[in-house]
């Protein structure tokens, strides 16, 4: 009988059975995160967020107003379209069932 692919009985390709069991017995090291307390990790996270926000290319006032206008007009058009479709379906349902 053959083993299924990915069977736990078979060691990984290229490793002997001793190597596979030895790597499973080693405890995991925490690295940098394991050595720091929760407040130090929180401070690191905050510094990384600030560093990423400095990389962001922020829009100018003109671009922001232009994008806002485009979004408002698009939403108004979609509202109108949904309203017309809703009224049409309402009349069809009223005609069929009413």
Protein backbone atom coordinates (compact mmCIF):
# COMPACT_ATOMS: atom_id res chain seq x y z
CA UNK A 1 0.00 0.00 0.00
CA UNK A 2 1.39 3.44 -0.84
CA UNK A 3 1.40 6.47 1.42
CA UNK A 4 -0.56 9.53 0.47
CA UNK A 5 1.28 12.66 -0.57
CA UNK A 6 2.24 14.74 2.43
CA UNK A 7 1.95 11.83 4.82
CA UNK A 8 3.34 12.52 8.27
CA UNK A 9 5.16 9.20 8.26
CA UNK A 10 7.42 10.23 5.39
CA UNK A 11 10.31 12.65 6.06
CA UNK A 12 10.61 15.69 3.84
CA UNK A 13 12.33 15.22 0.51
CA UNK A 14 16.09 15.59 0.88
CA UNK A 15 16.10 14.97 4.66
CA UNK A 16 16.73 11.82 6.56
CA UNK A 17 14.39 10.66 9.27
CA UNK A 18 16.83 11.70 12.02
CA UNK A 19 17.04 15.25 10.63
CA UNK A 20 13.25 15.54 10.52
CA UNK A 21 12.78 14.46 14.13
CA UNK A 22 15.71 16.60 15.32
CA UNK A 23 14.26 19.76 13.77
CA UNK A 24 10.92 19.10 15.45
CA UNK A 25 12.55 18.82 18.90
CA UNK A 26 14.33 22.20 18.77
CA UNK A 27 12.53 24.91 20.74
CA UNK A 28 11.54 27.99 18.81
CA UNK A 29 13.41 31.14 19.54
CA UNK A 30 11.47 34.36 19.87
CA UNK A 31 14.01 36.50 18.04
CA UNK A 32 13.69 40.24 18.55
CA UNK A 33 10.02 40.02 19.50
CA UNK A 34 10.59 37.49 22.24
CA UNK A 35 13.07 39.67 24.10
CA UNK A 36 10.95 42.81 24.30
CA UNK A 37 8.05 43.53 26.59
CA UNK A 38 4.58 44.55 25.45
CA UNK A 39 5.25 48.30 25.80
CA UNK A 40 8.46 48.06 23.78
CA UNK A 41 6.64 46.17 21.04
CA UNK A 42 3.87 48.76 21.07
CA UNK A 43 6.42 51.56 20.76
CA UNK A 44 8.10 49.73 17.88
CA UNK A 45 4.75 49.33 16.14
CA UNK A 46 4.01 53.04 16.60
CA UNK A 47 7.41 54.01 15.14
CA UNK A 48 6.84 51.72 12.16
CA UNK A 49 3.40 53.23 11.52
CA UNK A 50 4.84 56.75 11.57
CA UNK A 51 7.64 55.68 9.21
CA UNK A 52 5.12 54.21 6.76
CA UNK A 53 2.91 57.31 6.92
CA UNK A 54 5.91 59.45 5.95
CA UNK A 55 6.23 57.40 2.73
CA UNK A 56 2.66 58.17 1.66
CA UNK A 57 2.21 60.65 -1.18
CA UNK A 58 -0.61 62.85 0.07
CA UNK A 59 -2.93 64.54 -2.48
CA UNK A 60 -2.93 68.30 -2.89
CA UNK A 61 -5.97 70.37 -1.97
CA UNK A 62 -6.98 70.60 -5.63
CA UNK A 63 -6.71 66.86 -6.17
CA UNK A 64 -8.65 66.18 -2.99
CA UNK A 65 -11.52 68.47 -3.97
CA UNK A 66 -11.56 67.01 -7.49
CA UNK A 67 -11.67 63.42 -6.23
CA UNK A 68 -14.36 64.31 -3.69
CA UNK A 69 -16.51 65.92 -6.38
CA UNK A 70 -16.14 62.87 -8.63
CA UNK A 71 -17.18 60.52 -5.81
CA UNK A 72 -20.22 62.64 -4.85
CA UNK A 73 -21.41 62.87 -8.47
CA UNK A 74 -20.92 59.12 -8.97
CA UNK A 75 -22.87 58.30 -5.80
CA UNK A 76 -25.69 60.66 -6.86
CA UNK A 77 -25.91 58.95 -10.27
CA UNK A 78 -26.02 55.50 -8.67
CA UNK A 79 -28.72 56.66 -6.23
CA UNK A 80 -30.79 57.92 -9.15
CA UNK A 81 -30.29 54.68 -11.08
CA UNK A 82 -31.29 52.50 -8.13
CA UNK A 83 -34.34 54.73 -7.49
CA UNK A 84 -35.52 54.39 -11.10
CA UNK A 85 -35.01 50.62 -11.08
CA UNK A 86 -36.83 50.33 -7.73
CA UNK A 87 -39.80 52.36 -8.97
CA UNK A 88 -39.94 50.27 -12.15
CA UNK A 89 -39.93 46.98 -10.25
CA UNK A 90 -42.53 48.39 -7.85
CA UNK A 91 -44.87 49.20 -10.74
CA UNK A 92 -44.33 45.81 -12.40
CA UNK A 93 -45.06 43.98 -9.13
CA UNK A 94 -48.13 46.18 -8.57
CA UNK A 95 -49.38 45.41 -12.09
CA UNK A 96 -48.80 41.64 -11.79
CA UNK A 97 -50.09 41.11 -8.25
CA UNK A 98 -52.24 44.09 -7.62
